[in-house]
Amino acid sequence: MSIQWFPGHMHKARLEMQATLPKVDVVIEILDARIPYSSENPLLAELRGDKPCLKVLAKSDLADEAMTATWQAYFEQTVGVRSHAVTTDDVPTIRRLKSIATQMVPHRSGRTVTAMIVGIPNVGKSTIINYLAGRKIAKTGNTPAVTKQQQRVNIGDGVTLLDTPGMLWPNVLNANSGYRLALLGSIKETAMEYADIGFFAARYMLAEYPDKLTERYELNPKPTTELEAIEAIGRKRGCLGKNNLVDIDRASRILVTEFRSGVFGRLTLETPKIMEREKTQTAILAAEKAEKDAAKDAKRKKRFRDQQRAKRKARERR
């Protein structure tokens, strides 16, 4: 699934971020611990350059603990990058992020540190900001794109925070990343089909956590395909329509909603190895797309030149 959901305020946010970054000392990037790769914005890496970056793995209580540690070690292989895992209810750990961020810029010792906090929609950024500040500053909500514009906040201890709107990128070329983002609620419902996301979730659960899926919905025998799984869930939960057929959309909504709520326990949907493989595949797709776009552009230009040449010859014959 290729997601193209890039509201106007997100485009504006990118331009504002690009203009403000030179004045920023350190970047705090909030990631979802269940999808550290898919929730990492490639535009940010391009824009921040070698500026210090603290990657915060939020919602770590919903992710596989060992895999979270693996991701932290992976991120910290990059010079200038530190990683820290937090949960939304561990206030002391969240507040320690201020001291970690200031330690990353020792040349600013004794002076105010300006930190830009960024993250994709619905990753918990606003909640973290409110805890850092010790008061309610940022709006919170369960739907993406609550924050609409950049704001500057003094959060104490010599740190000024620049809050930016949750920002996706114009086109998520990696289909699996698109599914993961949608599955965890980082994309508005108007930009996705529940059946698509439900099938992805069922396929993932059958491959990685089949027992959790079958136990949750008391499925016997165990489904062998995602369609069988969705239909079995639909029959168990009474999602039946005309002629006793399963309503695939309703059954998919149940699976997606319960997945988001954490009823299946601590799950991580990707690993650094998966990330490296998918990055290679995505680079190939991007190159193929660029080649096709260039070919289309060349044809369009040739067609235009041919039309102009024909018009010119027609005028000369008059």
Protein backbone atom coordinates (compact mmCIF):
# COMPACT_ATOMS: atom_id res chain seq x y z
CA MET A 1 0.00 0.00 0.00
CA SER A 2 1.45 3.34 -1.05
CA ILE A 3 0.19 6.05 1.30
CA GLN A 4 -0.15 9.57 0.01
CA TRP A 5 -1.53 11.60 2.88
CA PHE A 6 0.28 14.89 3.19
CA PRO A 7 -2.07 17.66 4.42
CA GLY A 8 -1.14 21.26 3.65
CA HIS A 9 -0.04 22.00 7.20
CA MET A 10 2.52 19.17 6.94
CA HIS A 11 4.07 20.73 3.86
CA LYS A 12 4.21 24.04 5.73
CA ALA A 13 5.74 22.23 8.74
CA ARG A 14 8.54 20.89 6.59
CA LEU A 15 9.38 24.35 5.26
CA GLU A 16 9.32 25.81 8.79
CA MET A 17 11.51 22.98 10.09
CA GLN A 18 14.03 23.54 7.30
CA ALA A 19 14.19 27.25 8.12
CA THR A 20 14.48 26.74 11.88
CA LEU A 21 16.95 23.85 12.10
CA PRO A 22 20.09 26.02 11.76
CA LYS A 23 19.13 27.70 15.06
CA VAL A 24 18.54 24.37 16.84
CA ASP A 25 21.15 22.73 19.09
CA VAL A 26 19.71 19.21 19.30
CA VAL A 27 16.84 17.29 17.71
CA ILE A 28 14.57 15.02 19.77
CA GLU A 29 12.84 12.54 17.48
CA ILE A 30 9.93 10.57 18.95
CA LEU A 31 9.56 7.11 17.43
CA ASP A 32 7.05 4.33 18.06
CA ALA A 33 9.02 1.51 19.71
CA ARG A 34 6.93 -1.04 17.81
CA ILE A 35 7.97 0.39 14.42
CA PRO A 36 11.23 2.34 14.91
CA TYR A 37 12.06 2.22 11.18
CA SER A 38 8.62 2.98 9.78
CA SER A 39 8.05 5.83 12.25
CA GLU A 40 11.42 7.40 11.44
CA ASN A 41 10.95 10.27 8.98
CA PRO A 42 13.57 10.12 6.18
CA LEU A 43 13.00 13.83 5.50
CA LEU A 44 14.32 14.63 8.99
CA ALA A 45 17.56 12.72 8.43
CA GLU A 46 18.03 14.69 5.22
CA LEU A 47 17.30 18.05 6.85
CA ARG A 48 19.17 17.73 10.18
CA GLY A 49 22.52 16.68 8.69
CA ASP A 50 25.05 16.01 11.48
CA LYS A 51 23.10 17.83 14.20
CA PRO A 52 22.90 15.76 17.44
CA CYS A 53 19.75 13.65 17.64
CA LEU A 54 18.09 11.94 20.60
CA LYS A 55 15.83 9.14 19.36
CA VAL A 56 13.11 8.45 21.90
CA LEU A 57 11.39 5.07 21.58
CA ALA A 58 7.92 5.88 22.90
CA LYS A 59 5.23 3.35 23.88
CA SER A 60 8.00 0.90 24.72
CA ASP A 61 5.63 -0.90 27.12
CA LEU A 62 3.77 -2.13 24.01
CA ALA A 63 6.92 -3.33 22.23
CA ASP A 64 9.09 -6.42 22.65
CA GLU A 65 11.60 -5.45 25.35
CA ALA A 66 14.57 -7.31 23.86
CA MET A 67 13.93 -5.90 20.41
CA THR A 68 13.72 -2.37 21.83
CA ALA A 69 17.21 -2.83 23.27
CA THR A 70 18.37 -4.10 19.87
CA TRP A 71 17.01 -0.99 18.17
CA GLN A 72 18.68 1.30 20.72
CA ALA A 73 22.05 -0.33 20.08
CA TYR A 74 21.49 -0.07 16.34
CA PHE A 75 20.67 3.65 16.43
CA GLU A 76 23.64 4.48 18.66
CA GLN A 77 26.06 3.12 16.06
CA THR A 78 25.56 6.46 14.29
CA VAL A 79 27.80 9.30 15.50
CA GLY A 80 25.85 12.02 17.31
CA VAL A 81 22.83 9.81 17.98
CA ARG A 82 21.60 8.57 21.36
CA SER A 83 18.51 6.49 22.05
CA HIS A 84 16.22 6.23 25.05
CA ALA A 85 13.08 4.13 25.63
CA VAL A 86 10.09 5.59 27.51
CA THR A 87 6.51 4.73 28.35
CA THR A 88 3.69 7.23 28.45
CA ASP A 89 3.13 6.83 32.22
CA ASP A 90 6.78 6.87 33.38
CA VAL A 91 7.06 10.58 34.07
CA PRO A 92 10.51 10.54 35.79
CA THR A 93 12.08 8.75 32.81
CA ILE A 94 10.50 11.19 30.36
CA ARG A 95 11.73 14.19 32.34
CA ARG A 96 15.28 12.83 32.25
CA LEU A 97 15.22 13.41 28.50
CA LYS A 98 16.03 17.08 29.20
CA SER A 99 19.34 16.28 30.87
CA ILE A 100 20.22 13.71 28.19
CA ALA A 101 19.58 16.28 25.47
CA THR A 102 21.74 18.93 27.17
CA GLN A 103 24.57 16.42 27.68
CA MET A 104 24.63 15.90 23.91
CA VAL A 105 25.62 19.55 23.39
CA PRO A 106 28.34 20.20 26.01
CA HIS A 107 29.46 23.34 24.17
CA ARG A 108 26.15 24.93 25.28
CA SER A 109 26.92 24.39 28.98
CA GLY A 110 25.58 27.31 31.03
CA ARG A 111 23.50 28.60 28.13
CA THR A 112 19.97 27.88 26.97
CA VAL A 113 19.71 24.77 24.81
CA THR A 114 17.23 24.89 21.94
CA ALA A 115 15.78 21.47 21.17
CA MET A 116 13.43 20.70 18.30
CA ILE A 117 11.03 17.85 19.02
CA VAL A 118 9.63 16.00 16.02
CA GLY A 119 7.64 12.86 15.35
CA ILE A 120 5.03 11.31 13.10
CA PRO A 121 1.32 11.78 13.94
CA ASN A 122 -0.11 9.94 16.95
CA VAL A 123 3.28 8.82 18.29
CA GLY A 124 2.74 10.44 21.70
CA LYS A 125 4.82 13.57 21.13
CA SER A 126 2.37 15.98 22.75
CA THR A 127 2.05 13.84 25.88
CA ILE A 128 5.84 13.75 26.24
CA ILE A 129 6.04 17.55 25.82
CA ASN A 130 3.48 18.08 28.58
CA TYR A 131 5.45 15.84 30.97
CA LEU A 132 8.72 17.57 30.08
CA ALA A 133 7.19 20.95 30.82
CA GLY A 134 5.34 19.81 33.92
CA ARG A 135 2.14 21.37 32.65
CA LYS A 136 -0.32 21.00 29.78
CA ILE A 137 1.07 22.87 26.79
CA ALA A 138 0.46 20.68 23.76
CA LYS A 139 -2.90 19.29 22.72
CA THR A 140 -3.21 15.52 22.92
CA GLY A 141 -5.54 13.16 21.10
CA ASN A 142 -5.95 9.68 19.67
CA THR A 143 -6.18 10.92 16.08
CA PRO A 144 -3.28 12.03 13.86
CA ALA A 145 -2.43 15.65 13.11
CA VAL A 146 -3.58 17.31 16.36
CA THR A 147 -0.71 19.82 16.40
CA LYS A 148 -1.07 22.20 13.44
CA GLN A 149 1.78 24.67 13.78
CA GLN A 150 5.22 25.11 15.28
CA GLN A 151 5.40 26.57 18.80
CA ARG A 152 8.25 27.52 21.17
CA VAL A 153 8.01 26.33 24.78
CA ASN A 154 10.28 27.00 27.79
CA ILE A 155 10.33 23.64 29.62
CA GLY A 156 12.78 24.71 32.31
CA ASP A 157 16.28 23.51 33.26
CA GLY A 158 17.74 25.74 30.57
CA VAL A 159 15.90 24.07 27.70
CA THR A 160 13.65 25.71 25.13
CA LEU A 161 11.60 23.29 23.08
CA LEU A 162 10.37 23.83 19.53
CA ASP A 163 7.28 21.72 18.99
CA THR A 164 6.47 20.81 15.39
CA PRO A 165 3.34 19.26 13.86
CA GLY A 166 3.36 15.49 13.44
CA MET A 167 4.73 15.09 9.95
CA LEU A 168 4.63 12.24 7.48
CA TRP A 169 6.43 12.39 4.17
CA PRO A 170 4.72 13.02 0.80
CA ASN A 171 4.76 9.40 -0.36
CA VAL A 172 5.52 6.29 1.68
CA LEU A 173 7.11 4.11 -1.01
CA ASN A 174 7.72 1.15 1.30
CA ALA A 175 4.39 -0.70 1.22
CA ASN A 176 5.10 -2.55 4.48
CA SER A 177 5.87 0.72 6.28
CA GLY A 178 2.60 2.10 5.00
CA TYR A 179 0.70 -0.85 6.43
CA ARG A 180 2.48 -0.61 9.77
CA LEU A 181 1.80 3.12 10.09
CA ALA A 182 -1.86 2.58 9.30
CA LEU A 183 -2.14 -0.41 11.63
CA LEU A 184 -0.88 1.64 14.59
CA GLY A 185 -3.11 4.65 13.85
CA SER A 186 -0.58 7.16 12.46
CA ILE A 187 -2.70 7.85 9.38
CA LYS A 188 -6.22 9.20 9.23
CA GLU A 189 -8.93 6.67 8.38
CA THR A 190 -9.86 8.58 5.23
CA ALA A 191 -6.46 7.63 3.74
CA MET A 192 -6.75 3.88 4.32
CA GLU A 193 -8.97 0.85 3.84
CA TYR A 194 -9.59 -1.23 6.95
CA ALA A 195 -9.73 -4.43 4.92
CA ASP A 196 -6.22 -3.80 3.58
CA ILE A 197 -4.85 -3.15 7.06
CA GLY A 198 -6.76 -6.09 8.55
CA PHE A 199 -5.29 -8.48 5.99
CA PHE A 200 -1.79 -7.16 6.72
CA ALA A 201 -2.31 -7.59 10.48
CA ALA A 202 -3.68 -11.11 10.04
CA ARG A 203 -0.79 -12.09 7.77
CA TYR A 204 1.73 -10.73 10.27
CA MET A 205 0.12 -12.47 13.24
CA LEU A 206 -0.10 -15.80 11.42
CA ALA A 207 3.57 -15.60 10.51
CA GLU A 208 5.02 -14.29 13.78
CA TYR A 209 2.49 -14.82 16.59
CA PRO A 210 -0.02 -17.48 15.45
CA ASP A 211 -0.79 -18.70 18.97
CA LYS A 212 -1.73 -15.21 20.16
CA LEU A 213 -4.14 -14.81 17.25
CA THR A 214 -5.81 -18.20 17.67
CA GLU A 215 -6.08 -17.86 21.46
CA ARG A 216 -7.57 -14.38 21.30
CA TYR A 217 -10.37 -15.39 18.93
CA GLU A 218 -10.57 -19.10 19.85
CA LEU A 219 -9.87 -20.15 16.28
CA ASN A 220 -9.91 -23.90 15.70
CA PRO A 221 -8.57 -25.09 13.36
CA LYS A 222 -5.85 -22.50 12.92
CA PRO A 223 -6.32 -20.41 9.74
CA THR A 224 -3.67 -20.87 7.07
CA THR A 225 -4.26 -17.60 5.17
CA GLU A 226 -5.14 -14.05 6.11
CA LEU A 227 -8.54 -14.38 4.41
CA GLU A 228 -9.36 -17.46 6.48
CA ALA A 229 -8.28 -15.59 9.61
CA ILE A 230 -10.41 -12.51 8.92
CA GLU A 231 -13.43 -14.64 8.03
CA ALA A 232 -12.99 -16.75 11.18
CA ILE A 233 -12.75 -13.62 13.34
CA GLY A 234 -15.86 -12.24 11.64
CA ARG A 235 -17.86 -15.38 12.36
CA LYS A 236 -16.69 -15.47 15.98
CA ARG A 237 -17.68 -11.82 16.51
CA GLY A 238 -20.95 -11.94 14.56
CA CYS A 239 -19.85 -9.82 11.60
CA LEU A 240 -22.31 -11.43 9.24
CA GLY A 241 -24.23 -9.83 6.41
CA LYS A 242 -26.51 -10.96 3.62
CA ASN A 243 -26.54 -14.72 2.91
CA ASN A 244 -24.55 -15.27 6.11
CA LEU A 245 -21.39 -13.92 4.47
CA VAL A 246 -18.70 -12.34 6.65
CA ASP A 247 -18.49 -8.56 6.51
CA ILE A 248 -14.75 -8.29 5.81
CA ASP A 249 -14.60 -4.59 6.68
CA ARG A 250 -16.22 -5.07 10.10
CA ALA A 251 -14.06 -8.07 10.93
CA SER A 252 -10.94 -6.19 9.86
CA ARG A 253 -11.90 -3.22 12.05
CA ILE A 254 -12.13 -5.53 15.06
CA LEU A 255 -8.66 -6.96 14.47
CA VAL A 256 -7.08 -3.55 13.83
CA THR A 257 -8.78 -1.92 16.82
CA GLU A 258 -7.75 -4.70 19.19
CA PHE A 259 -4.22 -4.74 17.81
CA ARG A 260 -3.91 -1.02 18.56
CA SER A 261 -5.26 -1.51 22.08
CA GLY A 262 -2.45 -3.91 22.94
CA VAL A 263 -4.55 -6.99 23.75
CA PHE A 264 -2.02 -9.25 22.01
CA GLY A 265 0.76 -8.21 24.37
CA ARG A 266 4.16 -6.69 23.61
CA LEU A 267 4.90 -6.86 19.88
CA THR A 268 7.52 -5.28 17.63
CA LEU A 269 6.67 -5.27 13.93
CA GLU A 270 10.16 -4.81 12.49
CA THR A 271 13.84 -5.45 13.19
CA PRO A 272 17.03 -3.75 11.98
CA LYS A 273 17.53 -6.68 9.56
CA ILE A 274 14.03 -6.19 8.14
CA MET A 275 14.75 -2.47 7.88
CA GLU A 276 17.96 -2.96 5.92
CA ARG A 277 16.25 -5.38 3.52
CA GLU A 278 13.27 -3.09 2.97
CA LYS A 279 15.47 -0.02 2.53
CA THR A 280 17.26 -1.81 -0.31
CA GLN A 281 13.95 -2.84 -1.88
CA THR A 282 12.56 0.67 -1.50
CA ALA A 283 15.65 2.21 -3.11
CA ILE A 284 15.15 -0.08 -6.11
CA LEU A 285 11.47 0.91 -6.33
CA ALA A 286 12.36 4.59 -6.04
CA ALA A 287 14.93 4.27 -8.85
CA GLU A 288 12.41 2.45 -11.06
CA LYS A 289 9.78 5.09 -10.34
CA ALA A 290 12.23 7.89 -11.14
CA GLU A 291 13.13 6.16 -14.42
CA LYS A 292 9.46 5.78 -15.38
CA ASP A 293 8.73 9.39 -14.45
CA ALA A 294 11.70 10.55 -16.53
CA ALA A 295 10.50 8.48 -19.49
CA LYS A 296 6.99 9.93 -19.19
CA ASP A 297 8.42 13.43 -18.97
CA ALA A 298 10.57 12.83 -22.06
CA LYS A 299 7.55 11.58 -24.00
CA ARG A 300 5.50 14.58 -22.93
CA LYS A 301 8.24 16.97 -24.02
CA LYS A 302 8.64 15.16 -27.36
CA ARG A 303 4.89 15.29 -27.94
CA PHE A 304 4.89 19.00 -27.20
CA ARG A 305 7.84 19.60 -29.57
CA ASP A 306 6.15 17.54 -32.30
CA GLN A 307 2.97 19.56 -31.90
CA GLN A 308 4.88 22.82 -32.08
CA ARG A 309 6.78 21.62 -35.18
CA ALA A 310 3.52 20.60 -36.88
CA LYS A 311 1.97 23.99 -36.13
CA ARG A 312 5.04 25.74 -37.50
CA LYS A 313 4.96 23.73 -40.74
CA ALA A 314 1.25 24.43 -41.09
CA ARG A 315 1.88 28.15 -40.83
CA GLU A 316 4.69 27.93 -43.41
CA ARG A 317 2.40 26.24 -45.95
CA ARG A 318 -0.13 29.06 -45.81
